[in-house]
Amino acid sequence: MNDREQIIKLYHEMYAAMTAKNEAELNRVHDDSFVLVHMTGMRQGKQEYICAVMNGTLNYYSEETENIDVDIDGDRAVMTGNSRVSAAVFGGGRHTWRLALRLEAKKSNGKWKFTKAEASVW
């Protein structure tokens, strides 16, 4: 599997872990330096984000990928995934968003991990 395929696979594994509330997988796919920047501009570090998924503050039900772009430069990459995401977040009702995630990733010891995610709509 080439680097592009590995990063796309990691994207799908991330969403699978989010919907399954799989803490071990969420820890695996995200680097310790990971930061999530929500559409509102709110920032969450890795552990705060994972806790929010696990305690139901962030509930993800499904994800359908529409488009993925990956740009790789050595051991760094930027990936933008456009997906339809069914979720209920911060106490709101369940909705389906056309969510664009701009993800930064780094490769260390042969493994890619996400270091930053910026959410927006498309």
C-alpha atoms as a PDB file:
ATOM      1  CA  MET A   1       0.000   0.000   0.000  1.00  0.00           C
ATOM      2  CA  ASN A   2       1.464   3.389  -0.970  1.00  0.00           C
ATOM      3  CA  ASP A   3       1.404   6.478   1.274  1.00  0.00           C
ATOM      4  CA  ARG A   4      -1.731   7.944  -0.337  1.00  0.00           C
ATOM      5  CA  GLU A   5      -3.628   4.685   0.165  1.00  0.00           C
ATOM      6  CA  GLN A   6      -2.408   4.452   3.772  1.00  0.00           C
ATOM      7  CA  ILE A   7      -3.643   7.980   4.555  1.00  0.00           C
ATOM      8  CA  ILE A   8      -7.051   7.335   2.972  1.00  0.00           C
ATOM      9  CA  LYS A   9      -7.313   4.082   4.928  1.00  0.00           C
ATOM     10  CA  LEU A  10      -6.441   5.979   8.113  1.00  0.00           C
ATOM     11  CA  TYR A  11      -9.243   8.461   7.356  1.00  0.00           C
ATOM     12  CA  HIS A  12     -11.774   5.638   7.118  1.00  0.00           C
ATOM     13  CA  GLU A  13     -10.377   3.986  10.250  1.00  0.00           C
ATOM     14  CA  MET A  14     -10.732   7.297  12.097  1.00  0.00           C
ATOM     15  CA  TYR A  15     -14.422   7.603  11.196  1.00  0.00           C
ATOM     16  CA  ALA A  16     -15.038   3.945  12.051  1.00  0.00           C
ATOM     17  CA  ALA A  17     -13.453   4.542  15.473  1.00  0.00           C
ATOM     18  CA  MET A  18     -15.526   7.689  15.994  1.00  0.00           C
ATOM     19  CA  THR A  19     -18.808   5.911  15.215  1.00  0.00           C
ATOM     20  CA  ALA A  20     -17.883   2.856  17.304  1.00  0.00           C
ATOM     21  CA  LYS A  21     -16.538   4.996  20.174  1.00  0.00           C
ATOM     22  CA  ASN A  22     -13.375   2.914  20.005  1.00  0.00           C
ATOM     23  CA  GLU A  23     -10.942   4.695  22.300  1.00  0.00           C
ATOM     24  CA  ALA A  24      -7.946   2.496  21.457  1.00  0.00           C
ATOM     25  CA  GLU A  25      -8.375   3.128  17.725  1.00  0.00           C
ATOM     26  CA  LEU A  26      -8.861   6.868  18.244  1.00  0.00           C
ATOM     27  CA  ASN A  27      -5.597   6.913  20.176  1.00  0.00           C
ATOM     28  CA  ARG A  28      -3.857   4.911  17.441  1.00  0.00           C
ATOM     29  CA  VAL A  29      -4.869   7.085  14.463  1.00  0.00           C
ATOM     30  CA  HIS A  30      -4.151  10.424  16.173  1.00  0.00           C
ATOM     31  CA  ASP A  31      -0.700  11.635  17.117  1.00  0.00           C
ATOM     32  CA  ASP A  32      -0.243  12.829  20.705  1.00  0.00           C
ATOM     33  CA  SER A  33       0.071  16.383  19.305  1.00  0.00           C
ATOM     34  CA  PHE A  34      -3.355  16.133  17.601  1.00  0.00           C
ATOM     35  CA  VAL A  35      -5.632  19.181  17.681  1.00  0.00           C
ATOM     36  CA  LEU A  36      -9.194  19.347  16.361  1.00  0.00           C
ATOM     37  CA  VAL A  37     -10.422  22.772  15.268  1.00  0.00           C
ATOM     38  CA  HIS A  38     -14.229  22.770  15.150  1.00  0.00           C
ATOM     39  CA  MET A  39     -16.272  24.860  12.705  1.00  0.00           C
ATOM     40  CA  THR A  40     -16.815  27.341  15.546  1.00  0.00           C
ATOM     41  CA  GLY A  41     -13.070  27.781  15.992  1.00  0.00           C
ATOM     42  CA  MET A  42     -13.051  25.848  19.269  1.00  0.00           C
ATOM     43  CA  ARG A  43      -9.882  23.792  19.652  1.00  0.00           C
ATOM     44  CA  GLN A  44      -9.593  20.429  21.384  1.00  0.00           C
ATOM     45  CA  GLY A  45      -6.405  18.521  22.085  1.00  0.00           C
ATOM     46  CA  LYS A  46      -6.265  14.783  21.504  1.00  0.00           C
ATOM     47  CA  GLN A  47      -7.368  13.615  24.946  1.00  0.00           C
ATOM     48  CA  GLU A  48     -10.116  16.229  25.292  1.00  0.00           C
ATOM     49  CA  TYR A  49     -11.447  15.271  21.855  1.00  0.00           C
ATOM     50  CA  ILE A  50     -11.350  11.525  22.593  1.00  0.00           C
ATOM     51  CA  CYS A  51     -13.067  12.081  25.957  1.00  0.00           C
ATOM     52  CA  ALA A  52     -15.808  14.078  24.176  1.00  0.00           C
ATOM     53  CA  VAL A  53     -16.390  11.179  21.777  1.00  0.00           C
ATOM     54  CA  MET A  54     -16.392   8.624  24.575  1.00  0.00           C
ATOM     55  CA  ASN A  55     -18.733  10.559  26.912  1.00  0.00           C
ATOM     56  CA  GLY A  56     -21.288  11.411  24.211  1.00  0.00           C
ATOM     57  CA  THR A  57     -20.530  15.107  23.825  1.00  0.00           C
ATOM     58  CA  LEU A  58     -19.600  14.224  20.238  1.00  0.00           C
ATOM     59  CA  ASN A  59     -21.761  11.447  18.764  1.00  0.00           C
ATOM     60  CA  TYR A  60     -20.998  10.206  15.266  1.00  0.00           C
ATOM     61  CA  TYR A  61     -23.411   7.779  13.589  1.00  0.00           C
ATOM     62  CA  SER A  62     -22.241   7.429   9.996  1.00  0.00           C
ATOM     63  CA  GLU A  63     -19.935   8.832   7.359  1.00  0.00           C
ATOM     64  CA  GLU A  64     -20.214   8.678   3.584  1.00  0.00           C
ATOM     65  CA  THR A  65     -17.146   9.846   1.671  1.00  0.00           C
ATOM     66  CA  GLU A  66     -17.771  12.074  -1.345  1.00  0.00           C
ATOM     67  CA  ASN A  67     -14.223  13.134  -2.234  1.00  0.00           C
ATOM     68  CA  ILE A  68     -10.680  12.854  -0.910  1.00  0.00           C
ATOM     69  CA  ASP A  69      -7.610  14.853  -1.923  1.00  0.00           C
ATOM     70  CA  VAL A  70      -4.161  13.984  -0.578  1.00  0.00           C
ATOM     71  CA  ASP A  71      -0.958  16.010  -0.958  1.00  0.00           C
ATOM     72  CA  ILE A  72       2.198  14.323   0.358  1.00  0.00           C
ATOM     73  CA  ASP A  73       5.554  15.994   0.922  1.00  0.00           C
ATOM     74  CA  GLY A  74       8.027  13.515   2.402  1.00  0.00           C
ATOM     75  CA  ASP A  75       6.862  12.501   5.870  1.00  0.00           C
ATOM     76  CA  ARG A  76       4.127  15.171   5.997  1.00  0.00           C
ATOM     77  CA  ALA A  77       0.762  15.176   4.282  1.00  0.00           C
ATOM     78  CA  VAL A  78      -2.391  17.243   3.986  1.00  0.00           C
ATOM     79  CA  MET A  79      -5.619  15.459   3.208  1.00  0.00           C
ATOM     80  CA  THR A  80      -9.043  16.974   2.649  1.00  0.00           C
ATOM     81  CA  GLY A  81     -11.996  14.658   2.963  1.00  0.00           C
ATOM     82  CA  ASN A  82     -15.482  15.750   1.985  1.00  0.00           C
ATOM     83  CA  SER A  83     -18.048  13.506   3.619  1.00  0.00           C
ATOM     84  CA  ARG A  84     -21.677  13.440   4.616  1.00  0.00           C
ATOM     85  CA  VAL A  85     -21.544  12.918   8.363  1.00  0.00           C
ATOM     86  CA  SER A  86     -24.496  12.060  10.578  1.00  0.00           C
ATOM     87  CA  ALA A  87     -23.808  13.343  14.086  1.00  0.00           C
ATOM     88  CA  ALA A  88     -25.232  14.931  17.219  1.00  0.00           C
ATOM     89  CA  VAL A  89     -22.754  17.225  18.935  1.00  0.00           C
ATOM     90  CA  PHE A  90     -22.695  19.367  22.061  1.00  0.00           C
ATOM     91  CA  GLY A  91     -26.249  18.431  23.050  1.00  0.00           C
ATOM     92  CA  GLY A  92     -27.823  19.263  19.693  1.00  0.00           C
ATOM     93  CA  GLY A  93     -30.040  16.984  17.668  1.00  0.00           C
ATOM     94  CA  ARG A  94     -28.852  14.514  15.086  1.00  0.00           C
ATOM     95  CA  HIS A  95     -28.131  16.082  11.694  1.00  0.00           C
ATOM     96  CA  THR A  96     -26.277  15.183   8.534  1.00  0.00           C
ATOM     97  CA  TRP A  97     -23.576  17.675   7.607  1.00  0.00           C
ATOM     98  CA  ARG A  98     -21.572  18.053   4.435  1.00  0.00           C
ATOM     99  CA  LEU A  99     -18.368  18.080   6.445  1.00  0.00           C
ATOM    100  CA  ALA A 100     -14.966  18.921   5.029  1.00  0.00           C
ATOM    101  CA  LEU A 101     -12.062  17.839   7.200  1.00  0.00           C
ATOM    102  CA  ARG A 102      -8.644  19.233   6.361  1.00  0.00           C
ATOM    103  CA  LEU A 103      -6.288  16.812   8.057  1.00  0.00           C
ATOM    104  CA  GLU A 104      -2.572  17.167   8.567  1.00  0.00           C
ATOM    105  CA  ALA A 105      -0.617  13.951   9.033  1.00  0.00           C
ATOM    106  CA  LYS A 106       2.929  12.896   9.727  1.00  0.00           C
ATOM    107  CA  LYS A 107       4.733   9.652   9.134  1.00  0.00           C
ATOM    108  CA  SER A 108       6.895   8.320  11.938  1.00  0.00           C
ATOM    109  CA  ASN A 109       8.433   4.843  12.147  1.00  0.00           C
ATOM    110  CA  GLY A 110       6.617   3.926   8.933  1.00  0.00           C
ATOM    111  CA  LYS A 111       3.146   4.814  10.282  1.00  0.00           C
ATOM    112  CA  TRP A 112       0.931   7.770   9.413  1.00  0.00           C
ATOM    113  CA  LYS A 113      -0.994   9.590  12.151  1.00  0.00           C
ATOM    114  CA  PHE A 114      -3.188  12.656  12.079  1.00  0.00           C
ATOM    115  CA  THR A 115      -1.759  15.726  13.833  1.00  0.00           C
ATOM    116  CA  LYS A 116      -4.479  18.277  13.136  1.00  0.00           C
ATOM    117  CA  ALA A 117      -8.035  18.404  11.813  1.00  0.00           C
ATOM    118  CA  GLU A 118      -9.912  21.524  10.763  1.00  0.00           C
ATOM    119  CA  ALA A 119     -13.638  21.127  10.195  1.00  0.00           C
ATOM    120  CA  SER A 120     -15.755  23.177   7.820  1.00  0.00           C
ATOM    121  CA  VAL A 121     -18.738  22.624   5.547  1.00  0.00           C
ATOM    122  CA  TRP A 122     -18.610  22.195   1.789  1.00  0.00           C
END
